[in-house]
Amino acid sequence: MSLDNHQLAKVILEMLGGASNIEAYTHCMTRLRVTVKDDSIVKKADIRKLEGVLGLVEEETLQIIIGPGKVNKVTEEFGKLIDESGGINLENRAAQRKSELKEKNATPFKLLLRRIASIFIPLIPALVASGLITGVTKAAVQAKWLPADSQIAILLTVIGSGLFAYLGILVGINAAKEFGGSPALGGLAGILVINPAVADIKLFGEALLPGRGGLIGVLLAAIFMAVLEKRIRKFVPQSLDIIITPTVTVLITGIITYVVFMPIGGLISDGITKGLLGVLEVGGVVAGFVLGATFLPLVITGLHQGLTPVHLELINSIGDDPLLPILAMGGAGQVGAAFAIYIKTKKKRLKRAIGGALPSGLLGIGEPLIFGVTLPLGRPFLTACLGAGIGGAFQAHFHIATVAVGVSGLPLTFLVHAHQILLYLLGLVVAYAAGFVCTYFFGFNDEMAREFE
């Protein structure tokens, strides 16, 4: 019997040890992310077997894969149940999380990527909406379906492009939250970088360039500001805190941003852009294959969201993003593998799991297929990666690029350059077919699916 959203949330909460064992929770596009106090009492095996749960990832948080759309509703019910139980005890949350991270023995680089991902995950709905509106508008204009100077085109362009013009402010706000600073000051860090008036400032004989350093510069400034704010607050009397702390923090951060962070951010941004373009230019189809084939393991850890600033910097620097279409083939390889399993298996429960996850996979949300189908089966995950690599090689060979950031799969069609749409779709078909063939002939037999009995 399938559970409704309230029932599923209730059962998950019980298996997590009840509201008293929940220290924090949030959600992204497909996952309910929970921090628990006592990991030993969590019934992880039972959670994985729940109808409506597609998988469980154990990182510094427990990530319960529920799927796009549904995760929002289940999280809402989950929060209501916790509130009814008296809410989350916030005492010692920071110390608890620090202890958990230490126990996980995560590398500093992995922790940094996760924190960057936490900054950008809340922005995904806005990025997807703005990207699709921008992409569809540009495609309509390039195809001569819509005059570029028409009021409709201008209106849609303003709606779609607004986020990208002021994205630095939102990134600054989220970075400040993540590193324990004031969100308003984090937003101000973004303004310091993107403010057009920066062009009137001359340092060392040269005028500053507004936006120099891009989101990298914003992250550096916002993180520094959050750390500095906390340090200054320790030495300021409480009665003067509201006046002295933000003023001194902004003044110091502003000067260092223009002298240090913007130039350094610019160098890092140029290094990332030129490095990736160099790899794709020199490596060609081989680089495309490797990038496409290795993206899915990154998705498993949830670290793929840490690549969002890289995509945005590519667009900011060269006007488009040749990396996203290659990585998008990861989901396409999964779709092809899932079709092969669906045709080959005789297990009804496995067919139901694939049928429920395939629509999301076609629309660019690959996690339900990964955690609900291919990863539990083992070998099909590897053959899906091979299919993804072949699709990535195709995209790299034809230099397919997007004009904005958004969801992969079929929706990414609207973000690709208009003259490359057919090639992108052909690349999707290639990845579907490669994932299908590799899985059908080499990756799956029904003996692997005993847990789906």
Protein backbone atom coordinates (compact mmCIF):
# COMPACT_ATOMS: atom_id res chain seq x y z
CA MET A 1 0.00 0.00 0.00
CA SER A 2 1.42 3.35 -1.03
CA LEU A 3 1.73 6.07 1.60
CA ASP A 4 0.53 9.63 1.17
CA ASN A 5 2.90 12.51 1.92
CA HIS A 6 1.84 12.82 5.57
CA GLN A 7 2.10 9.09 6.22
CA LEU A 8 5.49 8.85 4.50
CA ALA A 9 6.83 11.79 6.54
CA LYS A 10 5.54 10.21 9.75
CA VAL A 11 7.13 6.83 9.05
CA ILE A 12 10.45 8.44 8.05
CA LEU A 13 10.45 10.49 11.25
CA GLU A 14 9.80 7.39 13.34
CA MET A 15 12.62 5.49 11.62
CA LEU A 16 14.96 8.42 12.22
CA GLY A 17 14.36 8.06 15.95
CA GLY A 18 11.57 10.59 16.38
CA ALA A 19 11.53 14.37 16.58
CA SER A 20 13.82 14.37 19.62
CA ASN A 21 16.59 12.86 17.46
CA ILE A 22 16.35 15.53 14.73
CA GLU A 23 18.85 18.33 14.96
CA ALA A 24 18.27 20.00 11.60
CA TYR A 25 16.57 19.31 8.28
CA THR A 26 16.19 20.84 4.84
CA HIS A 27 15.57 19.65 1.29
CA CYS A 28 16.92 20.13 -2.23
CA MET A 29 15.34 19.16 -5.54
CA THR A 30 15.13 15.44 -4.73
CA ARG A 31 16.43 14.83 -1.19
CA LEU A 32 15.26 15.34 2.38
CA ARG A 33 18.51 16.18 4.20
CA VAL A 34 18.46 15.45 7.92
CA THR A 35 21.04 15.92 10.67
CA VAL A 36 20.40 13.50 13.55
CA LYS A 37 21.78 13.53 17.08
CA ASP A 38 22.27 9.78 17.48
CA ASP A 39 23.02 7.99 14.23
CA SER A 40 22.98 4.56 15.89
CA ILE A 41 19.20 4.54 16.43
CA VAL A 42 18.32 5.37 12.83
CA LYS A 43 16.76 2.42 10.98
CA LYS A 44 18.58 2.97 7.70
CA ALA A 45 17.79 -0.38 6.12
CA ASP A 46 14.07 0.11 6.80
CA ILE A 47 14.16 3.64 5.33
CA ARG A 48 15.70 2.29 2.13
CA LYS A 49 12.87 -0.26 1.79
CA LEU A 50 10.07 2.29 2.29
CA GLU A 51 7.60 2.65 -0.57
CA GLY A 52 8.17 6.18 -1.84
CA VAL A 53 11.85 6.33 -0.81
CA LEU A 54 14.25 5.91 -3.72
CA GLY A 55 17.47 5.66 -1.75
CA LEU A 56 19.54 6.86 1.19
CA VAL A 57 22.90 8.62 1.05
CA GLU A 58 25.05 8.81 4.18
CA GLU A 59 27.20 11.94 4.24
CA GLU A 60 27.51 14.60 6.96
CA THR A 61 23.72 14.58 6.72
CA LEU A 62 21.37 11.68 5.99
CA GLN A 63 20.01 12.34 2.50
CA ILE A 64 16.72 10.55 1.85
CA ILE A 65 15.96 10.42 -1.88
CA ILE A 66 12.26 11.03 -2.46
CA GLY A 67 12.14 12.65 -5.89
CA PRO A 68 11.35 16.05 -7.44
CA GLY A 69 8.11 17.75 -6.43
CA LYS A 70 7.21 15.09 -3.88
CA VAL A 71 10.18 15.95 -1.64
CA ASN A 72 8.81 19.47 -1.09
CA LYS A 73 5.47 18.14 0.14
CA VAL A 74 6.97 15.39 2.30
CA THR A 75 9.40 17.89 3.86
CA GLU A 76 6.49 20.21 4.66
CA GLU A 77 4.66 17.39 6.44
CA PHE A 78 7.91 16.36 8.12
CA GLY A 79 8.31 19.88 9.51
CA LYS A 80 4.72 19.96 10.78
CA LEU A 81 5.25 16.71 12.67
CA ILE A 82 8.42 18.07 14.27
CA ASP A 83 6.66 21.31 15.23
CA GLU A 84 3.83 19.33 16.82
CA SER A 85 6.44 17.52 18.91
CA GLY A 86 7.88 20.77 20.25
CA GLY A 87 10.29 21.71 17.48
CA ILE A 88 14.01 21.14 17.10
CA ASN A 89 16.30 21.71 20.03
CA LEU A 90 18.87 24.10 18.58
CA GLU A 91 21.19 23.95 21.57
CA ASN A 92 24.71 22.85 20.69
CA ARG A 93 23.82 22.35 17.01
CA ALA A 94 27.14 23.80 15.85
CA ALA A 95 29.14 21.58 18.20
CA GLN A 96 27.14 18.52 17.14
CA ARG A 97 27.70 19.16 13.43
CA LYS A 98 31.39 19.78 13.99
CA SER A 99 31.62 16.45 15.80
CA GLU A 100 29.79 14.63 13.01
CA LEU A 101 32.05 16.07 10.36
CA LYS A 102 35.11 15.07 12.33
CA GLU A 103 33.80 11.52 12.65
CA LYS A 104 33.22 11.31 8.92
CA ASN A 105 36.89 12.29 8.42
CA ALA A 106 35.96 14.26 5.31
CA THR A 107 38.75 16.01 3.43
CA PRO A 108 38.85 19.83 3.53
CA PHE A 109 38.25 19.91 -0.24
CA LYS A 110 35.10 17.78 0.02
CA LEU A 111 33.82 19.90 2.89
CA LEU A 112 34.45 23.07 0.91
CA LEU A 113 32.54 21.70 -2.09
CA ARG A 114 29.64 20.72 0.15
CA ARG A 115 29.49 24.18 1.70
CA ILE A 116 29.56 25.77 -1.75
CA ALA A 117 26.79 23.38 -2.78
CA SER A 118 24.78 24.49 0.27
CA ILE A 119 25.11 28.08 -0.94
CA PHE A 120 23.79 27.33 -4.42
CA ILE A 121 21.19 24.59 -3.77
CA PRO A 122 18.54 27.10 -2.53
CA LEU A 123 19.06 29.10 -5.74
CA ILE A 124 18.33 26.19 -8.09
CA PRO A 125 14.59 26.93 -8.62
CA ALA A 126 15.38 30.54 -9.54
CA LEU A 127 18.27 29.47 -11.80
CA VAL A 128 16.09 26.91 -13.57
CA ALA A 129 13.20 29.35 -14.12
CA SER A 130 15.42 32.21 -15.29
CA GLY A 131 17.50 29.90 -17.45
CA LEU A 132 14.50 28.41 -19.23
CA ILE A 133 12.88 31.80 -19.85
CA THR A 134 16.17 33.21 -21.15
CA GLY A 135 16.89 30.17 -23.31
CA VAL A 136 13.43 29.94 -24.86
CA THR A 137 13.42 33.67 -25.59
CA LYS A 138 16.84 33.57 -27.27
CA ALA A 139 15.85 30.51 -29.30
CA ALA A 140 12.63 32.21 -30.44
CA VAL A 141 14.54 35.34 -31.46
CA GLN A 142 17.29 33.42 -33.29
CA ALA A 143 14.69 31.32 -35.11
CA LYS A 144 12.94 34.56 -36.23
CA TRP A 145 9.74 33.50 -34.46
CA LEU A 146 9.93 36.61 -32.32
CA PRO A 147 11.35 40.01 -33.37
CA ALA A 148 14.25 40.96 -31.10
CA ASP A 149 12.94 44.51 -30.66
CA SER A 150 9.35 43.48 -29.90
CA GLN A 151 7.89 44.31 -26.51
CA ILE A 152 7.24 40.63 -25.81
CA ALA A 153 10.89 39.73 -26.45
CA ILE A 154 12.10 42.63 -24.32
CA LEU A 155 9.68 41.74 -21.51
CA LEU A 156 10.74 38.08 -21.49
CA THR A 157 14.41 39.04 -21.62
CA VAL A 158 14.03 41.33 -18.60
CA ILE A 159 12.19 38.62 -16.65
CA GLY A 160 14.73 35.93 -17.51
CA SER A 161 17.95 37.91 -17.20
CA GLY A 162 17.28 39.78 -13.96
CA LEU A 163 18.53 36.99 -11.72
CA PHE A 164 21.86 36.73 -13.51
CA ALA A 165 22.44 40.48 -13.26
CA TYR A 166 22.03 40.46 -9.47
CA LEU A 167 22.94 36.87 -8.67
CA GLY A 168 25.97 38.02 -6.69
CA ILE A 169 23.69 39.51 -4.03
CA LEU A 170 21.83 36.23 -3.47
CA VAL A 171 25.07 34.27 -3.45
CA GLY A 172 26.47 36.69 -0.88
CA ILE A 173 23.40 36.30 1.34
CA ASN A 174 23.56 32.49 1.24
CA ALA A 175 27.34 32.47 1.79
CA ALA A 176 26.91 34.63 4.89
CA LYS A 177 24.26 32.25 6.24
CA GLU A 178 26.46 29.23 5.59
CA PHE A 179 29.46 30.75 7.37
CA GLY A 180 27.59 32.27 10.29
CA GLY A 181 27.43 35.92 9.25
CA SER A 182 24.57 38.39 8.82
CA PRO A 183 22.66 37.74 5.57
CA ALA A 184 22.28 41.48 4.88
CA LEU A 185 26.04 41.99 5.08
CA GLY A 186 26.53 39.00 2.80
CA GLY A 187 24.23 40.64 0.26
CA LEU A 188 26.30 43.79 0.59
CA ALA A 189 29.42 41.78 -0.24
CA GLY A 190 27.76 40.91 -3.55
CA ILE A 191 26.93 44.56 -4.16
CA LEU A 192 30.55 45.54 -3.52
CA VAL A 193 31.58 43.40 -6.49
CA ILE A 194 28.79 44.08 -9.01
CA ASN A 195 28.17 47.78 -8.28
CA PRO A 196 28.61 49.74 -11.58
CA ALA A 197 30.08 52.66 -9.59
CA VAL A 198 33.20 50.51 -9.08
CA ALA A 199 34.31 51.73 -12.52
CA ASP A 200 34.96 55.19 -11.02
CA ILE A 201 37.61 53.77 -8.65
CA LYS A 202 41.24 53.80 -9.75
CA LEU A 203 43.77 51.64 -7.93
CA PHE A 204 47.43 51.46 -8.93
CA GLY A 205 46.69 53.61 -11.96
CA GLU A 206 43.92 51.40 -13.39
CA ALA A 207 40.14 51.67 -13.13
CA LEU A 208 38.37 48.74 -11.52
CA LEU A 209 36.04 46.63 -13.62
CA PRO A 210 32.53 46.06 -12.15
CA GLY A 211 31.93 42.36 -11.64
CA ARG A 212 35.63 41.48 -11.89
CA GLY A 213 36.12 38.18 -10.10
CA GLY A 214 32.47 37.22 -10.65
CA LEU A 215 30.90 34.84 -8.18
CA ILE A 216 34.33 33.70 -7.01
CA GLY A 217 35.04 37.26 -5.85
CA VAL A 218 31.63 37.46 -4.19
CA LEU A 219 32.21 34.20 -2.33
CA LEU A 220 35.61 35.36 -1.11
CA ALA A 221 34.21 38.70 0.05
CA ALA A 222 31.09 37.24 1.70
CA ILE A 223 32.96 34.48 3.53
CA PHE A 224 35.62 36.90 4.73
CA MET A 225 32.93 39.33 5.87
CA ALA A 226 31.12 36.61 7.84
CA VAL A 227 34.31 35.53 9.61
CA LEU A 228 35.40 39.12 10.27
CA GLU A 229 31.97 40.06 11.64
CA LYS A 230 32.11 37.27 14.22
CA ARG A 231 35.66 38.20 15.22
CA ILE A 232 34.87 41.90 15.66
CA ARG A 233 31.72 41.17 17.65
CA LYS A 234 33.80 39.44 20.34
CA PHE A 235 35.54 42.74 21.22
CA VAL A 236 32.62 45.18 20.89
CA PRO A 237 30.35 46.03 23.86
CA GLN A 238 26.83 44.71 23.31
CA SER A 239 25.32 48.20 23.57
CA LEU A 240 27.46 49.38 20.62
CA ASP A 241 27.36 46.18 18.57
CA ILE A 242 24.64 47.27 16.13
CA ILE A 243 26.65 50.38 15.20
CA ILE A 244 30.32 49.41 15.38
CA THR A 245 30.35 45.78 14.22
CA PRO A 246 28.63 46.15 10.82
CA THR A 247 30.32 49.47 10.07
CA VAL A 248 33.85 48.26 10.73
CA THR A 249 33.12 44.94 9.02
CA VAL A 250 31.85 46.56 5.82
CA LEU A 251 34.63 49.15 5.72
CA ILE A 252 37.44 46.62 6.09
CA THR A 253 35.82 44.10 3.74
CA GLY A 254 35.13 46.76 1.11
CA ILE A 255 38.76 47.87 0.97
CA ILE A 256 40.11 44.31 0.89
CA THR A 257 37.54 43.31 -1.73
CA TYR A 258 38.72 45.98 -4.19
CA VAL A 259 42.42 45.50 -3.48
CA VAL A 260 42.55 41.70 -3.07
CA PHE A 261 39.39 39.69 -3.62
CA MET A 262 38.31 41.05 -6.99
CA PRO A 263 41.76 40.62 -8.59
CA ILE A 264 42.24 37.17 -7.04
CA GLY A 265 38.69 36.16 -7.97
CA GLY A 266 39.40 37.29 -11.51
CA LEU A 267 42.56 35.19 -11.70
CA ILE A 268 40.76 32.12 -10.33
CA SER A 269 37.86 32.66 -12.71
CA ASP A 270 40.21 33.02 -15.68
CA GLY A 271 42.10 29.92 -14.58
CA ILE A 272 38.93 27.83 -14.35
CA THR A 273 37.63 29.08 -17.69
CA LYS A 274 40.88 28.73 -19.63
CA GLY A 275 41.68 25.42 -17.94
CA LEU A 276 38.37 23.79 -18.86
CA LEU A 277 38.40 25.19 -22.37
CA GLY A 278 41.98 23.98 -22.78
CA VAL A 279 41.05 20.49 -21.59
CA LEU A 280 38.13 20.33 -24.01
CA GLU A 281 40.16 21.74 -26.88
CA VAL A 282 43.15 19.45 -26.38
CA GLY A 283 41.27 16.38 -25.11
CA GLY A 284 38.34 16.62 -27.51
CA VAL A 285 36.14 13.54 -27.50
CA VAL A 286 38.37 11.80 -24.93
CA ALA A 287 37.87 14.67 -22.47
CA GLY A 288 34.15 14.64 -23.23
CA PHE A 289 33.98 10.91 -22.54
CA VAL A 290 35.85 11.16 -19.23
CA LEU A 291 33.81 14.14 -18.02
CA GLY A 292 30.51 12.54 -19.01
CA ALA A 293 31.37 9.13 -17.56
CA THR A 294 32.62 10.43 -14.20
CA PHE A 295 29.82 12.89 -13.46
CA LEU A 296 27.38 10.37 -11.97
CA PRO A 297 29.73 9.35 -9.12
CA LEU A 298 29.83 13.04 -8.21
CA VAL A 299 26.02 13.13 -8.15
CA ILE A 300 25.98 10.26 -5.65
CA THR A 301 27.86 12.38 -3.11
CA GLY A 302 25.73 15.47 -3.81
CA LEU A 303 28.90 17.42 -4.67
CA HIS A 304 27.75 18.14 -8.24
CA GLN A 305 25.96 21.27 -7.01
CA GLY A 306 29.38 22.66 -6.17
CA LEU A 307 29.98 23.00 -9.91
CA THR A 308 27.23 25.63 -10.27
CA PRO A 309 29.62 28.60 -9.89
CA VAL A 310 31.86 27.03 -12.56
CA HIS A 311 28.98 26.93 -15.05
CA LEU A 312 28.03 30.50 -14.21
CA GLU A 313 31.60 31.72 -14.54
CA LEU A 314 31.90 30.12 -17.99
CA ILE A 315 28.78 31.96 -19.13
CA ASN A 316 30.00 35.19 -17.57
CA SER A 317 33.46 34.87 -19.14
CA ILE A 318 32.87 33.49 -22.65
CA GLY A 319 29.12 33.91 -23.10
CA ASP A 320 28.14 30.23 -23.02
CA ASP A 321 28.82 26.95 -21.19
CA PRO A 322 30.31 23.98 -23.10
CA LEU A 323 30.60 21.91 -19.91
CA LEU A 324 26.93 21.54 -18.99
CA PRO A 325 25.82 19.62 -22.14
CA ILE A 326 28.63 17.11 -21.54
CA LEU A 327 27.72 16.54 -17.90
CA ALA A 328 24.02 16.38 -18.83
CA MET A 329 24.74 13.10 -20.59
CA GLY A 330 25.09 11.46 -17.17
CA GLY A 331 21.33 11.45 -16.75
CA ALA A 332 20.84 10.32 -20.36
CA GLY A 333 23.02 7.27 -19.80
CA GLN A 334 20.86 6.41 -16.78
CA VAL A 335 17.69 6.67 -18.86
CA GLY A 336 19.07 4.30 -21.49
CA ALA A 337 20.16 1.82 -18.84
CA ALA A 338 16.75 2.00 -17.16
CA PHE A 339 14.95 1.26 -20.43
CA ALA A 340 17.16 -1.80 -20.95
CA ILE A 341 16.42 -3.08 -17.43
CA TYR A 342 12.68 -2.44 -17.88
CA ILE A 343 12.59 -4.51 -21.08
CA LYS A 344 14.78 -7.31 -19.70
CA THR A 345 13.43 -7.80 -16.17
CA LYS A 346 10.44 -9.87 -15.17
CA LYS A 347 10.21 -8.40 -11.70
CA LYS A 348 7.10 -6.26 -11.32
CA ARG A 349 8.42 -4.23 -8.41
CA LEU A 350 11.50 -3.24 -10.41
CA LYS A 351 9.34 -2.30 -13.39
CA ARG A 352 7.22 -0.08 -11.12
CA ALA A 353 10.33 1.60 -9.73
CA ILE A 354 11.63 2.34 -13.22
CA GLY A 355 8.22 3.51 -14.44
CA GLY A 356 8.00 5.98 -11.57
CA ALA A 357 11.53 7.33 -12.01
CA LEU A 358 11.83 7.48 -15.81
CA PRO A 359 9.76 10.67 -16.33
CA SER A 360 12.04 12.53 -13.92
CA GLY A 361 15.09 11.09 -15.67
CA LEU A 362 13.91 12.31 -19.06
CA LEU A 363 13.39 15.75 -17.53
CA GLY A 364 16.93 15.90 -16.20
CA ILE A 365 16.49 14.68 -12.61
CA GLY A 366 18.59 11.53 -12.54
CA GLU A 367 18.74 10.80 -8.81
CA PRO A 368 15.54 8.70 -8.63
CA LEU A 369 16.96 6.35 -11.29
CA ILE A 370 20.42 6.32 -9.71
CA PHE A 371 19.37 5.60 -6.14
CA GLY A 372 16.21 3.67 -6.91
CA VAL A 373 17.39 1.47 -9.77
CA THR A 374 20.92 1.39 -11.20
CA LEU A 375 23.05 1.92 -8.09
CA PRO A 376 21.31 -0.78 -5.99
CA LEU A 377 21.74 -3.19 -8.90
CA GLY A 378 25.45 -2.43 -9.19
CA ARG A 379 26.69 -3.19 -12.69
CA PRO A 380 23.95 -1.17 -14.49
CA PHE A 381 25.32 1.94 -12.82
CA LEU A 382 28.68 1.35 -14.50
CA THR A 383 27.15 0.67 -17.91
CA ALA A 384 25.03 3.82 -17.51
CA CYS A 385 28.27 5.73 -16.91
CA LEU A 386 29.69 4.26 -20.14
CA GLY A 387 26.61 5.45 -22.03
CA ALA A 388 27.02 8.87 -20.45
CA GLY A 389 30.66 8.98 -21.53
CA ILE A 390 29.78 8.21 -25.15
CA GLY A 391 27.13 10.94 -25.10
CA GLY A 392 29.64 13.34 -23.52
CA ALA A 393 32.16 12.57 -26.28
CA PHE A 394 29.50 13.44 -28.87
CA GLN A 395 28.69 16.77 -27.22
CA ALA A 396 32.38 17.64 -26.92
CA HIS A 397 33.06 16.79 -30.58
CA PHE A 398 30.38 19.20 -31.80
CA HIS A 399 31.19 21.89 -29.19
CA ILE A 400 27.60 22.07 -27.94
CA ALA A 401 27.11 24.87 -25.39
CA THR A 402 24.28 26.43 -23.37
CA VAL A 403 23.49 30.12 -22.89
CA ALA A 404 22.20 29.70 -19.32
CA VAL A 405 22.18 27.25 -16.41
CA GLY A 406 19.25 24.91 -15.89
CA VAL A 407 18.07 21.32 -15.56
CA SER A 408 19.69 18.79 -17.90
CA GLY A 409 17.93 16.19 -20.05
CA LEU A 410 15.22 17.31 -22.47
CA PRO A 411 14.63 20.73 -20.80
CA LEU A 412 18.25 21.69 -21.53
CA THR A 413 17.26 21.78 -25.21
CA PHE A 414 15.84 25.27 -24.63
CA LEU A 415 19.16 26.53 -23.24
CA VAL A 416 21.38 25.31 -26.08
CA HIS A 417 22.31 27.69 -28.92
CA ALA A 418 19.45 27.60 -31.43
CA HIS A 419 21.66 26.31 -34.25
CA GLN A 420 22.85 23.43 -32.03
CA ILE A 421 19.48 22.16 -30.78
CA LEU A 422 19.24 19.24 -33.21
CA LEU A 423 22.82 18.20 -32.45
CA TYR A 424 22.17 18.31 -28.71
CA LEU A 425 19.04 16.16 -29.11
CA LEU A 426 21.00 13.73 -31.30
CA GLY A 427 23.62 13.55 -28.54
CA LEU A 428 20.88 12.70 -26.04
CA VAL A 429 19.70 9.87 -28.30
CA VAL A 430 23.29 8.64 -28.61
CA ALA A 431 23.64 8.55 -24.80
CA TYR A 432 20.23 6.85 -24.42
CA ALA A 433 21.21 4.23 -27.01
CA ALA A 434 24.70 3.66 -25.60
CA GLY A 435 23.36 3.26 -22.06
CA PHE A 436 20.70 0.87 -23.36
CA VAL A 437 23.06 -1.31 -25.40
CA CYS A 438 25.79 -1.50 -22.73
CA THR A 439 23.26 -2.41 -20.05
CA TYR A 440 21.14 -4.81 -22.10
CA PHE A 441 24.05 -6.92 -23.32
CA PHE A 442 26.61 -6.52 -20.53
CA GLY A 443 25.09 -4.85 -17.49
CA PHE A 444 22.01 -6.65 -16.24
CA ASN A 445 20.34 -9.95 -15.56
CA ASP A 446 17.39 -10.69 -13.29
CA GLU A 447 19.56 -12.43 -10.70
CA MET A 448 20.89 -9.01 -9.73
CA ALA A 449 17.41 -7.86 -8.79
CA ARG A 450 16.69 -10.19 -5.85
CA GLU A 451 15.93 -7.27 -3.52
CA PHE A 452 13.09 -6.29 -5.87
CA GLU A 453 11.29 -9.60 -5.34
